[in-house]
Protein backbone atom coordinates (compact mmCIF):
# COMPACT_ATOMS: atom_id res chain seq x y z
CA MET A 1 4.92 -10.31 7.23
CA ARG A 2 6.76 -11.11 4.13
CA LEU A 3 4.10 -11.51 0.78
CA GLU A 4 4.32 -14.82 -0.91
CA GLY A 5 2.66 -14.00 -3.95
CA LEU A 6 4.53 -13.98 -7.26
CA SER A 7 2.56 -10.89 -8.46
CA VAL A 8 2.24 -7.88 -6.30
CA GLU A 9 1.17 -4.29 -6.93
CA MET A 10 3.15 -1.84 -5.16
CA ASP A 11 2.05 1.91 -4.48
CA GLU A 12 2.52 4.91 -2.54
CA SER A 13 -0.05 7.25 -1.24
CA TYR A 14 -0.27 10.24 0.89
CA PHE A 15 -2.25 10.84 4.02
CA GLY A 16 -2.82 14.40 5.92
CA ALA A 17 -3.85 18.05 5.51
CA LYS A 18 -5.62 18.96 2.43
CA ARG A 19 -3.66 20.84 -0.38
CA LYS A 20 -3.72 24.75 -0.47
CA ARG A 21 -3.14 24.79 -4.41
CA GLY A 22 -6.73 24.44 -5.56
CA GLY A 23 -6.68 20.53 -5.30
CA LYS A 24 -4.41 19.74 -7.71
CA ARG A 25 -3.95 16.00 -7.93
CA GLY A 26 -0.42 14.52 -7.82
CA ARG A 27 2.40 13.72 -5.65
CA PRO A 28 3.25 16.47 -3.11
CA ASN A 29 6.58 18.41 -2.91
CA PRO A 30 7.91 16.57 0.59
CA ALA A 31 9.91 20.07 1.48
CA THR A 32 6.51 21.75 1.80
CA SER A 33 3.97 19.40 2.27
CA PRO A 34 2.59 18.44 5.44
CA LYS A 35 1.20 15.03 4.10
CA THR A 36 2.74 11.93 5.23
CA PRO A 37 3.90 9.25 2.55
CA VAL A 38 2.53 5.49 3.08
CA VAL A 39 3.73 2.64 0.87
CA GLY A 40 1.26 -0.41 0.30
CA ILE A 41 1.90 -3.76 -1.29
CA ALA A 42 -0.93 -6.11 -2.30
CA GLU A 43 -0.70 -9.64 -3.15
CA ARG A 44 -2.42 -10.65 -6.59
CA GLU A 45 -2.72 -14.20 -6.08
CA GLY A 46 -2.55 -16.79 -3.38
CA LYS A 47 -3.88 -15.10 0.01
CA ARG A 48 -4.45 -12.17 -1.55
CA ARG A 49 -3.17 -10.21 1.44
CA VAL A 50 -2.00 -6.78 1.62
CA TYR A 51 0.54 -4.84 3.38
CA ALA A 52 0.89 -0.90 4.27
CA THR A 53 3.62 1.26 6.09
CA VAL A 54 4.28 4.73 7.10
CA ALA A 55 7.42 5.70 4.96
CA ASP A 56 9.64 8.72 5.86
CA ASN A 57 9.85 9.34 2.30
CA THR A 58 9.35 7.80 -1.30
CA THR A 59 12.86 7.91 -2.33
CA LYS A 60 14.34 4.88 -4.19
CA ALA A 61 16.10 3.48 -1.47
CA THR A 62 13.21 3.65 0.85
CA LEU A 63 10.54 1.88 -2.09
CA HIS A 64 13.59 -0.48 -2.96
CA GLY A 65 14.02 -1.45 0.83
CA ILE A 66 10.60 -1.92 1.68
CA ALA A 67 10.32 -4.27 -1.56
CA LYS A 68 13.01 -6.24 -0.54
CA GLU A 69 11.83 -6.51 2.97
CA ARG A 70 8.46 -7.70 1.90
CA VAL A 71 8.34 -9.29 -1.77
CA MET A 72 9.74 -12.66 -2.49
CA PRO A 73 12.68 -12.47 -4.92
CA GLU A 74 12.05 -13.20 -8.57
CA SER A 75 8.35 -12.08 -7.97
CA THR A 76 6.56 -9.58 -10.71
CA ILE A 77 6.00 -6.17 -9.05
CA PHE A 78 3.47 -3.92 -10.78
CA THR A 79 3.84 -0.23 -10.18
CA ASP A 80 2.93 3.07 -11.61
CA GLU A 81 5.50 5.32 -13.36
CA TYR A 82 6.66 7.20 -10.25
CA TYR A 83 10.60 7.22 -10.73
CA SER A 84 11.62 5.95 -7.59
CA TYR A 85 10.57 2.34 -8.76
CA ASN A 86 13.24 2.53 -11.37
CA GLY A 87 15.83 -0.19 -11.02
CA LEU A 88 13.38 -2.79 -9.21
CA ASP A 89 14.29 -5.23 -12.21
CA GLN A 90 17.65 -4.98 -11.44
CA GLN A 91 17.04 -6.26 -7.90
CA GLY A 92 16.08 -9.66 -8.99
CA TYR A 93 12.32 -8.76 -9.79
CA THR A 94 10.06 -8.85 -12.75
CA HIS A 95 8.84 -5.13 -13.23
CA ARG A 96 5.91 -3.95 -15.08
CA ARG A 97 4.54 -0.37 -15.04
CA ILE A 98 1.46 1.13 -16.01
CA ASN A 99 1.20 5.08 -17.26
CA HIS A 100 -1.50 6.70 -15.42
CA SER A 101 -0.65 10.18 -16.59
CA ALA A 102 -1.27 8.96 -20.22
CA GLY A 103 -5.00 7.91 -19.16
CA VAL A 104 -3.75 4.26 -19.18
CA TYR A 105 -4.98 1.92 -15.99
CA VAL A 106 -4.96 -1.71 -17.46
CA LEU A 107 -3.15 -3.25 -20.06
CA ALA A 108 -4.09 -6.11 -22.05
CA ASP A 109 -1.43 -8.42 -20.28
CA GLY A 110 -3.08 -7.65 -17.12
CA THR A 111 -0.45 -5.03 -15.85
CA HIS A 112 -2.40 -2.98 -13.22
CA THR A 113 -2.18 -1.31 -10.12
CA ASN A 114 -6.18 -1.45 -9.51
CA THR A 115 -5.98 -3.67 -6.13
CA ILE A 116 -3.65 -1.61 -4.36
CA GLU A 117 -5.64 1.64 -5.59
CA GLY A 118 -8.53 -0.03 -4.12
CA PHE A 119 -7.39 -0.53 -0.63
CA TRP A 120 -6.10 3.34 -0.38
CA GLY A 121 -9.52 3.94 -1.32
CA LEU A 122 -11.06 2.08 1.37
CA VAL A 123 -8.44 3.36 4.06
CA LYS A 124 -8.99 6.93 2.96
CA ASN A 125 -12.44 6.84 3.24
CA GLY A 126 -12.66 4.88 6.24
CA ILE A 127 -10.59 7.59 7.91
CA ARG A 128 -12.64 10.54 6.35
CA GLY A 129 -15.53 8.78 7.50
CA VAL A 130 -15.17 7.52 10.83
CA TYR A 131 -12.44 9.23 12.40
CA HIS A 132 -11.90 12.36 9.98
CA GLN A 133 -8.34 12.46 10.42
CA VAL A 134 -5.36 10.91 11.87
CA SER A 135 -2.17 12.27 13.09
CA ARG A 136 1.16 10.96 11.64
CA LYS A 137 2.02 9.68 15.23
CA TYR A 138 -1.11 7.35 15.09
CA LEU A 139 -1.25 6.47 11.41
CA GLN A 140 0.47 3.39 11.31
CA THR A 141 -2.06 1.78 14.00
CA TYR A 142 -4.83 2.77 11.42
CA LEU A 143 -2.87 0.98 8.43
CA ASP A 144 -2.51 -2.00 10.69
CA GLU A 145 -6.41 -1.79 11.61
CA TYR A 146 -7.38 -1.70 7.88
CA SER A 147 -4.74 -4.12 6.68
CA PHE A 148 -6.16 -6.55 9.37
CA ARG A 149 -9.62 -6.04 7.96
CA TYR A 150 -8.68 -6.44 4.57
CA ASN A 151 -6.45 -9.62 4.79
CA ARG A 152 -9.48 -11.42 6.64
CA ARG A 153 -12.41 -9.54 4.60
CA THR A 154 -13.74 -13.28 2.96
CA GLN A 155 -14.27 -14.40 7.09
CA GLY A 156 -17.33 -12.58 7.55
CA ASN A 157 -18.13 -12.38 11.28
CA LEU A 158 -15.72 -15.09 11.86
CA ILE A 159 -13.21 -12.27 12.59
CA PHE A 160 -14.13 -12.48 16.04
CA ASN A 161 -12.41 -15.56 16.44
CA ASP A 162 -9.16 -14.49 15.42
CA PHE A 163 -9.37 -11.67 17.86
CA LEU A 164 -9.97 -14.46 20.81
CA LYS A 165 -7.14 -16.86 19.40
CA ARG A 166 -4.51 -13.55 19.44
CA VAL A 167 -5.76 -12.56 23.12
CA CYS A 168 -5.15 -16.27 24.32
CA GLU A 169 -1.80 -16.40 22.60
CA ARG A 170 -0.42 -13.34 24.24
CA ALA A 171 -2.11 -14.17 27.65
CA VAL A 172 0.06 -17.27 27.91
């Protein structure tokens, strides 16, 4: 799925074991952490869909590759201040940042990452509440499930009809 919105939010998150250093927040050290990095992109207008994927790492090459694959050229990408997002503006995107470490979460010009952060909250609370934990092996499947639900959140109980259509398409 390629996101068609002209404005998208992009953010990385981490799933897995709890941190052992007194619950200190922030990005884990990839060399010593059992956490699995995931990357998400949310459209701000249009269909307002979300895309989430498990990533091997959160390096500049990985994040830029996901953006190039999933975000239309000349879109505006809203991110936090994570250094791996540096250079998105040189890839043909308009890049706007929000500095969470300074306690800023929304700017007057509409710069924020609240949509994708809200999606991460739904996924993490859902996994913690229903499944309790998910291994890296199956994490992508759960991300797909939550993305599917989120992308059809306005349909109410009509989501069952989508399931039937998909089953019929695959059966033929």
